[in-house]
Amino acid sequence: MFRIFIIVFLSSILLSCNEYQKLLNSTDNDTDKYNAAEKYYNDGEFRRANALIEQLIPSYRGKPQGERLVFFFADSYFQIKLYYSAAIQFENFIKSYPNSQRIQEAYFMEAKSYYMLSPLYTLDQDDTYTGIDKLQVFINRFPNSEYVSEALELMNDLQNKLEEKDFEISKQYYTIRDYTSAIKALDNFVADNPGTIFREEALYYKWLSQFEIAINSIESRIVDRVTELERSLDNFLRNYPDTIFIEDLSEKINIAKQLL
């Protein structure tokens, strides 16, 4: 019984592939090709839909179905994770059909394509900047759109990524033990990004830099620097009483006090 099922299943796949190949190679039956492309799209078979739609678009340019095909073409690229192609085709849709009922969705999906292209924070962030710009254009143009809430979340994610990159660059000074430069860089980071989610960690590394300077000071400077270190720690704990760094901070301030 199982063997029969496998044979029937494989036969249906082969038949489907043959039908698809016939449509793909056909040059004289746009109606059947259009219906099949729409069915493939609605069934989630986006690669097949994409290939057929690409063939159909020239024939339907200027016709009512053309707008639908161009949107499906762009979205099918998005669905198969070819986000550069998706962004280009959504932009093409926007230029070709500025009065479409789907114009809001097209603007949003173009921006979302760049969001998906945004790489790890350690890499070049050109697509991240483009994504933020595109999302801002969408929000400004359609402030009451149903997609605004998601657009704001996406833009916040991208902004956090840029801040993480800036923070890691600032933190590098601590890593290479250039503590004076670390303090300056981390101060600048916090000033430039007042609402950043990395503020606590930035101030923690600033304090660690102050600690390293204090414990390695000449004798005549130790008292002043340890006293300043205590004040800085008090300020930090007022802002972050439940900090995850409390154990390390407590250990280090005790080390510093032993120098007095």
C-alpha atoms as a PDB file:
ATOM      1  CA  MET A   1       0.000   0.000   0.000  1.00  0.00           C
ATOM      2  CA  PHE A   2       2.792   2.402   0.923  1.00  0.00           C
ATOM      3  CA  ARG A   3       4.598   1.543  -2.325  1.00  0.00           C
ATOM      4  CA  ILE A   4       1.483   2.399  -4.340  1.00  0.00           C
ATOM      5  CA  PHE A   5       1.199   5.700  -2.505  1.00  0.00           C
ATOM      6  CA  ILE A   6       4.831   6.577  -3.335  1.00  0.00           C
ATOM      7  CA  ILE A   7       4.305   5.732  -7.016  1.00  0.00           C
ATOM      8  CA  VAL A   8       1.150   7.875  -7.206  1.00  0.00           C
ATOM      9  CA  PHE A   9       2.863  10.715  -5.363  1.00  0.00           C
ATOM     10  CA  LEU A  10       5.921  10.707  -7.634  1.00  0.00           C
ATOM     11  CA  SER A  11       3.719  10.472 -10.703  1.00  0.00           C
ATOM     12  CA  SER A  12       1.761  13.555  -9.637  1.00  0.00           C
ATOM     13  CA  ILE A  13       5.010  15.472  -9.128  1.00  0.00           C
ATOM     14  CA  LEU A  14       6.280  14.497 -12.576  1.00  0.00           C
ATOM     15  CA  LEU A  15       2.954  15.458 -14.157  1.00  0.00           C
ATOM     16  CA  SER A  16       3.042  18.811 -12.397  1.00  0.00           C
ATOM     17  CA  CYS A  17       6.612  19.436 -13.562  1.00  0.00           C
ATOM     18  CA  ASN A  18       5.698  18.509 -17.132  1.00  0.00           C
ATOM     19  CA  GLU A  19       2.725  20.876 -17.116  1.00  0.00           C
ATOM     20  CA  TYR A  20       4.873  23.671 -15.705  1.00  0.00           C
ATOM     21  CA  GLN A  21       7.616  23.118 -18.294  1.00  0.00           C
ATOM     22  CA  LYS A  22       5.061  23.141 -21.107  1.00  0.00           C
ATOM     23  CA  LEU A  23       3.705  26.470 -19.891  1.00  0.00           C
ATOM     24  CA  LEU A  24       7.201  27.876 -19.434  1.00  0.00           C
ATOM     25  CA  ASN A  25       8.157  26.918 -22.988  1.00  0.00           C
ATOM     26  CA  SER A  26       4.856  27.963 -24.518  1.00  0.00           C
ATOM     27  CA  THR A  27       4.830  31.096 -26.688  1.00  0.00           C
ATOM     28  CA  ASP A  28       1.170  31.196 -27.770  1.00  0.00           C
ATOM     29  CA  ASN A  29      -1.036  30.681 -24.722  1.00  0.00           C
ATOM     30  CA  ASP A  30      -0.773  33.677 -22.388  1.00  0.00           C
ATOM     31  CA  THR A  31      -4.220  33.059 -20.860  1.00  0.00           C
ATOM     32  CA  ASP A  32      -3.321  29.608 -19.548  1.00  0.00           C
ATOM     33  CA  LYS A  33       0.081  30.879 -18.479  1.00  0.00           C
ATOM     34  CA  TYR A  34      -1.529  33.806 -16.619  1.00  0.00           C
ATOM     35  CA  ASN A  35      -4.006  31.536 -14.813  1.00  0.00           C
ATOM     36  CA  ALA A  36      -1.241  29.121 -13.879  1.00  0.00           C
ATOM     37  CA  ALA A  37       1.035  31.910 -12.636  1.00  0.00           C
ATOM     38  CA  GLU A  38      -1.739  33.252 -10.418  1.00  0.00           C
ATOM     39  CA  LYS A  39      -2.480  29.768  -9.081  1.00  0.00           C
ATOM     40  CA  TYR A  40       1.190  29.098  -8.369  1.00  0.00           C
ATOM     41  CA  TYR A  41       1.424  32.437  -6.557  1.00  0.00           C
ATOM     42  CA  ASN A  42      -1.694  31.801  -4.458  1.00  0.00           C
ATOM     43  CA  ASP A  43      -0.483  28.283  -3.635  1.00  0.00           C
ATOM     44  CA  GLY A  44       2.879  29.618  -2.417  1.00  0.00           C
ATOM     45  CA  GLU A  45       4.896  28.197  -5.316  1.00  0.00           C
ATOM     46  CA  PHE A  46       6.637  31.505  -5.779  1.00  0.00           C
ATOM     47  CA  ARG A  47       9.596  30.384  -7.905  1.00  0.00           C
ATOM     48  CA  ARG A  48       7.311  28.961 -10.560  1.00  0.00           C
ATOM     49  CA  ALA A  49       5.020  31.961 -10.368  1.00  0.00           C
ATOM     50  CA  ASN A  50       7.977  34.310 -10.699  1.00  0.00           C
ATOM     51  CA  ALA A  51       9.328  32.614 -13.826  1.00  0.00           C
ATOM     52  CA  LEU A  52       5.934  32.651 -15.572  1.00  0.00           C
ATOM     53  CA  ILE A  53       5.146  36.226 -14.562  1.00  0.00           C
ATOM     54  CA  GLU A  54       8.468  37.448 -15.923  1.00  0.00           C
ATOM     55  CA  GLN A  55       7.417  36.083 -19.326  1.00  0.00           C
ATOM     56  CA  LEU A  56       3.913  37.537 -19.078  1.00  0.00           C
ATOM     57  CA  ILE A  57       4.660  41.132 -18.059  1.00  0.00           C
ATOM     58  CA  PRO A  58       5.557  42.427 -21.565  1.00  0.00           C
ATOM     59  CA  SER A  59       2.300  41.017 -22.984  1.00  0.00           C
ATOM     60  CA  TYR A  60       0.138  42.593 -20.293  1.00  0.00           C
ATOM     61  CA  ARG A  61       1.817  45.985 -20.088  1.00  0.00           C
ATOM     62  CA  GLY A  62      -0.913  48.641 -20.322  1.00  0.00           C
ATOM     63  CA  LYS A  63      -3.670  46.125 -19.564  1.00  0.00           C
ATOM     64  CA  PRO A  64      -5.611  45.852 -16.271  1.00  0.00           C
ATOM     65  CA  GLN A  65      -3.841  42.587 -15.380  1.00  0.00           C
ATOM     66  CA  GLY A  66      -0.436  44.238 -15.823  1.00  0.00           C
ATOM     67  CA  GLU A  67      -0.567  46.024 -12.466  1.00  0.00           C
ATOM     68  CA  ARG A  68      -1.430  42.785 -10.683  1.00  0.00           C
ATOM     69  CA  LEU A  69       1.380  40.900 -12.411  1.00  0.00           C
ATOM     70  CA  VAL A  70       4.037  43.511 -11.605  1.00  0.00           C
ATOM     71  CA  PHE A  71       3.075  43.458  -7.926  1.00  0.00           C
ATOM     72  CA  PHE A  72       3.087  39.651  -7.829  1.00  0.00           C
ATOM     73  CA  PHE A  73       6.452  39.676  -9.593  1.00  0.00           C
ATOM     74  CA  ALA A  74       7.978  41.917  -6.923  1.00  0.00           C
ATOM     75  CA  ASP A  75       6.383  40.016  -4.053  1.00  0.00           C
ATOM     76  CA  SER A  76       7.411  36.621  -5.416  1.00  0.00           C
ATOM     77  CA  TYR A  77      11.041  37.797  -5.331  1.00  0.00           C
ATOM     78  CA  PHE A  78      10.534  38.801  -1.695  1.00  0.00           C
ATOM     79  CA  GLN A  79       8.967  35.450  -0.844  1.00  0.00           C
ATOM     80  CA  ILE A  80      11.927  33.520  -2.298  1.00  0.00           C
ATOM     81  CA  LYS A  81      14.291  35.794  -0.365  1.00  0.00           C
ATOM     82  CA  LEU A  82      15.831  37.568  -3.349  1.00  0.00           C
ATOM     83  CA  TYR A  83      15.511  40.897  -1.611  1.00  0.00           C
ATOM     84  CA  TYR A  84      17.566  43.077  -3.965  1.00  0.00           C
ATOM     85  CA  SER A  85      15.390  41.994  -6.885  1.00  0.00           C
ATOM     86  CA  ALA A  86      12.286  42.506  -4.743  1.00  0.00           C
ATOM     87  CA  ALA A  87      13.326  46.061  -3.853  1.00  0.00           C
ATOM     88  CA  ILE A  88      13.992  46.903  -7.511  1.00  0.00           C
ATOM     89  CA  GLN A  89      10.666  45.483  -8.661  1.00  0.00           C
ATOM     90  CA  PHE A  90       8.655  47.196  -5.903  1.00  0.00           C
ATOM     91  CA  GLU A  91      10.308  50.458  -6.915  1.00  0.00           C
ATOM     92  CA  ASN A  92       9.337  49.704 -10.513  1.00  0.00           C
ATOM     93  CA  PHE A  93       5.738  49.102  -9.391  1.00  0.00           C
ATOM     94  CA  ILE A  94       5.699  52.436  -7.516  1.00  0.00           C
ATOM     95  CA  LYS A  95       6.902  54.305 -10.597  1.00  0.00           C
ATOM     96  CA  SER A  96       4.575  52.468 -12.974  1.00  0.00           C
ATOM     97  CA  TYR A  97       1.397  52.516 -10.869  1.00  0.00           C
ATOM     98  CA  PRO A  98       1.542  55.539  -8.520  1.00  0.00           C
ATOM     99  CA  ASN A  99      -2.254  55.558  -8.142  1.00  0.00           C
ATOM    100  CA  SER A 100      -2.614  51.861  -7.401  1.00  0.00           C
ATOM    101  CA  GLN A 101      -4.693  50.702  -4.459  1.00  0.00           C
ATOM    102  CA  ARG A 102      -1.610  48.706  -3.418  1.00  0.00           C
ATOM    103  CA  ILE A 103       0.768  51.674  -3.495  1.00  0.00           C
ATOM    104  CA  GLN A 104       1.105  51.794   0.304  1.00  0.00           C
ATOM    105  CA  GLU A 105       1.969  48.118   0.437  1.00  0.00           C
ATOM    106  CA  ALA A 106       4.502  48.537  -2.371  1.00  0.00           C
ATOM    107  CA  TYR A 107       6.286  51.403  -0.561  1.00  0.00           C
ATOM    108  CA  PHE A 108       6.336  49.356   2.629  1.00  0.00           C
ATOM    109  CA  MET A 109       7.565  46.186   0.949  1.00  0.00           C
ATOM    110  CA  GLU A 110      10.328  48.060  -0.863  1.00  0.00           C
ATOM    111  CA  ALA A 111      11.518  49.380   2.511  1.00  0.00           C
ATOM    112  CA  LYS A 112      11.120  45.962   4.142  1.00  0.00           C
ATOM    113  CA  SER A 113      13.268  44.420   1.399  1.00  0.00           C
ATOM    114  CA  TYR A 114      16.144  46.678   2.440  1.00  0.00           C
ATOM    115  CA  TYR A 115      15.463  45.791   6.074  1.00  0.00           C
ATOM    116  CA  MET A 116      15.920  42.129   5.146  1.00  0.00           C
ATOM    117  CA  LEU A 117      19.147  42.994   3.324  1.00  0.00           C
ATOM    118  CA  SER A 118      20.634  44.702   6.378  1.00  0.00           C
ATOM    119  CA  PRO A 119      23.662  42.613   7.439  1.00  0.00           C
ATOM    120  CA  LEU A 120      25.311  41.916  10.786  1.00  0.00           C
ATOM    121  CA  TYR A 121      26.415  45.087  12.566  1.00  0.00           C
ATOM    122  CA  THR A 122      30.058  44.162  11.984  1.00  0.00           C
ATOM    123  CA  LEU A 123      29.659  44.541   8.211  1.00  0.00           C
ATOM    124  CA  ASP A 124      29.108  47.519   5.908  1.00  0.00           C
ATOM    125  CA  GLN A 125      25.779  49.163   6.739  1.00  0.00           C
ATOM    126  CA  ASP A 126      24.798  50.806   3.425  1.00  0.00           C
ATOM    127  CA  ASP A 127      21.626  48.703   3.166  1.00  0.00           C
ATOM    128  CA  THR A 128      20.776  49.526   6.783  1.00  0.00           C
ATOM    129  CA  TYR A 129      20.923  53.257   6.048  1.00  0.00           C
ATOM    130  CA  THR A 130      18.870  52.753   2.888  1.00  0.00           C
ATOM    131  CA  GLY A 131      16.310  50.742   4.846  1.00  0.00           C
ATOM    132  CA  ILE A 132      15.949  53.500   7.450  1.00  0.00           C
ATOM    133  CA  ASP A 133      15.558  56.126   4.718  1.00  0.00           C
ATOM    134  CA  LYS A 134      12.952  54.062   2.857  1.00  0.00           C
ATOM    135  CA  LEU A 135      10.989  53.315   6.037  1.00  0.00           C
ATOM    136  CA  GLN A 136      11.002  57.008   6.957  1.00  0.00           C
ATOM    137  CA  VAL A 137       9.722  57.923   3.489  1.00  0.00           C
ATOM    138  CA  PHE A 138       6.921  55.388   3.896  1.00  0.00           C
ATOM    139  CA  ILE A 139       5.954  56.651   7.380  1.00  0.00           C
ATOM    140  CA  ASN A 140       5.990  60.281   6.259  1.00  0.00           C
ATOM    141  CA  ARG A 141       3.961  59.521   3.141  1.00  0.00           C
ATOM    142  CA  PHE A 142       1.404  57.219   4.763  1.00  0.00           C
ATOM    143  CA  PRO A 143       1.228  58.148   8.475  1.00  0.00           C
ATOM    144  CA  ASN A 144      -2.139  56.405   8.916  1.00  0.00           C
ATOM    145  CA  SER A 145      -1.248  53.195   7.094  1.00  0.00           C
ATOM    146  CA  GLU A 146      -1.898  49.823   8.691  1.00  0.00           C
ATOM    147  CA  TYR A 147       1.808  49.096   8.136  1.00  0.00           C
ATOM    148  CA  VAL A 148       3.136  52.054  10.146  1.00  0.00           C
ATOM    149  CA  SER A 149       3.409  50.131  13.413  1.00  0.00           C
ATOM    150  CA  GLU A 150       5.539  47.425  11.808  1.00  0.00           C
ATOM    151  CA  ALA A 151       7.565  50.042   9.922  1.00  0.00           C
ATOM    152  CA  LEU A 152       8.439  51.755  13.210  1.00  0.00           C
ATOM    153  CA  GLU A 153       9.560  48.442  14.716  1.00  0.00           C
ATOM    154  CA  LEU A 154      11.732  47.683  11.691  1.00  0.00           C
ATOM    155  CA  MET A 155      13.271  51.145  11.764  1.00  0.00           C
ATOM    156  CA  ASN A 156      14.001  50.776  15.479  1.00  0.00           C
ATOM    157  CA  ASP A 157      15.754  47.449  14.820  1.00  0.00           C
ATOM    158  CA  LEU A 158      17.923  49.043  12.139  1.00  0.00           C
ATOM    159  CA  GLN A 159      18.744  52.022  14.344  1.00  0.00           C
ATOM    160  CA  ASN A 160      19.771  49.673  17.152  1.00  0.00           C
ATOM    161  CA  LYS A 161      22.081  47.888  14.736  1.00  0.00           C
ATOM    162  CA  LEU A 162      23.816  51.145  13.813  1.00  0.00           C
ATOM    163  CA  GLU A 163      24.136  52.033  17.496  1.00  0.00           C
ATOM    164  CA  GLU A 164      25.580  48.609  18.263  1.00  0.00           C
ATOM    165  CA  LYS A 165      28.206  49.135  15.585  1.00  0.00           C
ATOM    166  CA  ASP A 166      29.105  52.575  17.008  1.00  0.00           C
ATOM    167  CA  PHE A 167      29.206  51.160  20.530  1.00  0.00           C
ATOM    168  CA  GLU A 168      31.507  48.299  19.577  1.00  0.00           C
ATOM    169  CA  ILE A 169      33.848  50.737  17.837  1.00  0.00           C
ATOM    170  CA  SER A 170      33.941  52.903  20.983  1.00  0.00           C
ATOM    171  CA  LYS A 171      34.484  49.850  23.176  1.00  0.00           C
ATOM    172  CA  GLN A 172      37.489  48.821  21.106  1.00  0.00           C
ATOM    173  CA  TYR A 173      39.564  51.492  22.861  1.00  0.00           C
ATOM    174  CA  TYR A 174      38.942  49.688  26.153  1.00  0.00           C
ATOM    175  CA  THR A 175      39.852  46.357  24.536  1.00  0.00           C
ATOM    176  CA  ILE A 176      43.215  47.707  23.362  1.00  0.00           C
ATOM    177  CA  ARG A 177      43.779  49.334  26.789  1.00  0.00           C
ATOM    178  CA  ASP A 178      43.682  52.925  25.569  1.00  0.00           C
ATOM    179  CA  TYR A 179      41.543  53.919  28.531  1.00  0.00           C
ATOM    180  CA  THR A 180      41.659  57.685  28.094  1.00  0.00           C
ATOM    181  CA  SER A 181      40.432  57.374  24.514  1.00  0.00           C
ATOM    182  CA  ALA A 182      37.831  54.835  25.631  1.00  0.00           C
ATOM    183  CA  ILE A 183      36.338  57.297  28.130  1.00  0.00           C
ATOM    184  CA  LYS A 184      36.127  60.012  25.476  1.00  0.00           C
ATOM    185  CA  ALA A 185      34.683  57.691  22.820  1.00  0.00           C
ATOM    186  CA  LEU A 186      32.076  56.218  25.177  1.00  0.00           C
ATOM    187  CA  ASP A 187      31.069  59.694  26.392  1.00  0.00           C
ATOM    188  CA  ASN A 188      30.586  60.740  22.785  1.00  0.00           C
ATOM    189  CA  PHE A 189      28.573  57.602  22.041  1.00  0.00           C
ATOM    190  CA  VAL A 190      26.183  58.226  24.940  1.00  0.00           C
ATOM    191  CA  ALA A 191      25.832  61.920  24.018  1.00  0.00           C
ATOM    192  CA  ASP A 192      25.129  61.103  20.372  1.00  0.00           C
ATOM    193  CA  ASN A 193      22.651  58.309  21.221  1.00  0.00           C
ATOM    194  CA  PRO A 194      20.755  59.443  24.345  1.00  0.00           C
ATOM    195  CA  GLY A 195      18.045  56.780  24.075  1.00  0.00           C
ATOM    196  CA  THR A 196      20.264  53.881  23.103  1.00  0.00           C
ATOM    197  CA  ILE A 197      19.715  50.413  24.525  1.00  0.00           C
ATOM    198  CA  PHE A 198      23.501  50.196  24.923  1.00  0.00           C
ATOM    199  CA  ARG A 199      23.733  53.134  27.343  1.00  0.00           C
ATOM    200  CA  GLU A 200      24.159  51.018  30.492  1.00  0.00           C
ATOM    201  CA  GLU A 201      26.881  48.890  28.936  1.00  0.00           C
ATOM    202  CA  ALA A 202      28.642  51.959  27.534  1.00  0.00           C
ATOM    203  CA  LEU A 203      28.724  53.604  30.969  1.00  0.00           C
ATOM    204  CA  TYR A 204      29.918  50.331  32.482  1.00  0.00           C
ATOM    205  CA  TYR A 205      32.915  50.232  30.133  1.00  0.00           C
ATOM    206  CA  LYS A 206      33.557  53.890  30.788  1.00  0.00           C
ATOM    207  CA  TRP A 207      33.718  53.112  34.515  1.00  0.00           C
ATOM    208  CA  LEU A 208      36.031  50.167  33.872  1.00  0.00           C
ATOM    209  CA  SER A 209      38.325  52.515  31.964  1.00  0.00           C
ATOM    210  CA  GLN A 210      38.302  54.941  34.889  1.00  0.00           C
ATOM    211  CA  PHE A 211      39.078  52.027  37.208  1.00  0.00           C
ATOM    212  CA  GLU A 212      42.105  50.976  35.162  1.00  0.00           C
ATOM    213  CA  ILE A 213      43.423  54.536  35.126  1.00  0.00           C
ATOM    214  CA  ALA A 214      42.871  54.908  38.878  1.00  0.00           C
ATOM    215  CA  ILE A 215      44.613  51.718  39.990  1.00  0.00           C
ATOM    216  CA  ASN A 216      47.564  52.417  37.715  1.00  0.00           C
ATOM    217  CA  SER A 217      48.002  56.031  38.818  1.00  0.00           C
ATOM    218  CA  ILE A 218      51.076  57.471  40.422  1.00  0.00           C
ATOM    219  CA  GLU A 219      50.788  57.624  44.185  1.00  0.00           C
ATOM    220  CA  SER A 220      49.979  61.341  44.310  1.00  0.00           C
ATOM    221  CA  ARG A 221      46.936  60.862  42.055  1.00  0.00           C
ATOM    222  CA  ILE A 222      45.460  57.687  43.549  1.00  0.00           C
ATOM    223  CA  VAL A 223      43.281  59.309  46.254  1.00  0.00           C
ATOM    224  CA  ASP A 224      41.639  61.781  43.886  1.00  0.00           C
ATOM    225  CA  ARG A 225      41.029  59.193  41.211  1.00  0.00           C
ATOM    226  CA  VAL A 226      39.640  56.522  43.528  1.00  0.00           C
ATOM    227  CA  THR A 227      37.362  59.137  45.107  1.00  0.00           C
ATOM    228  CA  GLU A 228      36.122  60.102  41.622  1.00  0.00           C
ATOM    229  CA  LEU A 229      35.700  56.409  40.843  1.00  0.00           C
ATOM    230  CA  GLU A 230      33.413  56.019  43.878  1.00  0.00           C
ATOM    231  CA  ARG A 231      31.323  59.027  42.810  1.00  0.00           C
ATOM    232  CA  SER A 232      31.010  57.621  39.301  1.00  0.00           C
ATOM    233  CA  LEU A 233      29.913  54.276  40.683  1.00  0.00           C
ATOM    234  CA  ASP A 234      27.259  55.915  42.876  1.00  0.00           C
ATOM    235  CA  ASN A 235      25.867  57.749  39.854  1.00  0.00           C
ATOM    236  CA  PHE A 236      25.865  54.579  37.806  1.00  0.00           C
ATOM    237  CA  LEU A 237      24.011  52.588  40.485  1.00  0.00           C
ATOM    238  CA  ARG A 238      21.410  55.339  40.921  1.00  0.00           C
ATOM    239  CA  ASN A 239      20.580  54.982  37.253  1.00  0.00           C
ATOM    240  CA  TYR A 240      20.912  51.197  37.118  1.00  0.00           C
ATOM    241  CA  PRO A 241      20.230  49.758  40.590  1.00  0.00           C
ATOM    242  CA  ASP A 242      19.549  46.293  39.148  1.00  0.00           C
ATOM    243  CA  THR A 243      22.527  46.222  36.822  1.00  0.00           C
ATOM    244  CA  ILE A 244      23.838  42.850  35.725  1.00  0.00           C
ATOM    245  CA  PHE A 245      27.362  44.189  36.291  1.00  0.00           C
ATOM    246  CA  ILE A 246      26.954  44.695  40.049  1.00  0.00           C
ATOM    247  CA  GLU A 247      29.206  41.796  41.095  1.00  0.00           C
ATOM    248  CA  ASP A 248      32.105  42.932  38.926  1.00  0.00           C
ATOM    249  CA  LEU A 249      31.674  46.565  39.969  1.00  0.00           C
ATOM    250  CA  SER A 250      31.630  45.670  43.666  1.00  0.00           C
ATOM    251  CA  GLU A 251      34.748  43.562  43.338  1.00  0.00           C
ATOM    252  CA  LYS A 252      36.666  46.266  41.499  1.00  0.00           C
ATOM    253  CA  ILE A 253      35.693  49.150  43.766  1.00  0.00           C
ATOM    254  CA  ASN A 254      36.930  47.114  46.741  1.00  0.00           C
ATOM    255  CA  ILE A 255      40.246  46.579  44.955  1.00  0.00           C
ATOM    256  CA  ALA A 256      40.509  50.324  44.337  1.00  0.00           C
ATOM    257  CA  LYS A 257      39.705  51.224  47.962  1.00  0.00           C
ATOM    258  CA  GLN A 258      42.521  49.002  49.192  1.00  0.00           C
ATOM    259  CA  LEU A 259      44.942  51.406  47.510  1.00  0.00           C
ATOM    260  CA  LEU A 260      43.922  54.278  49.800  1.00  0.00           C
END
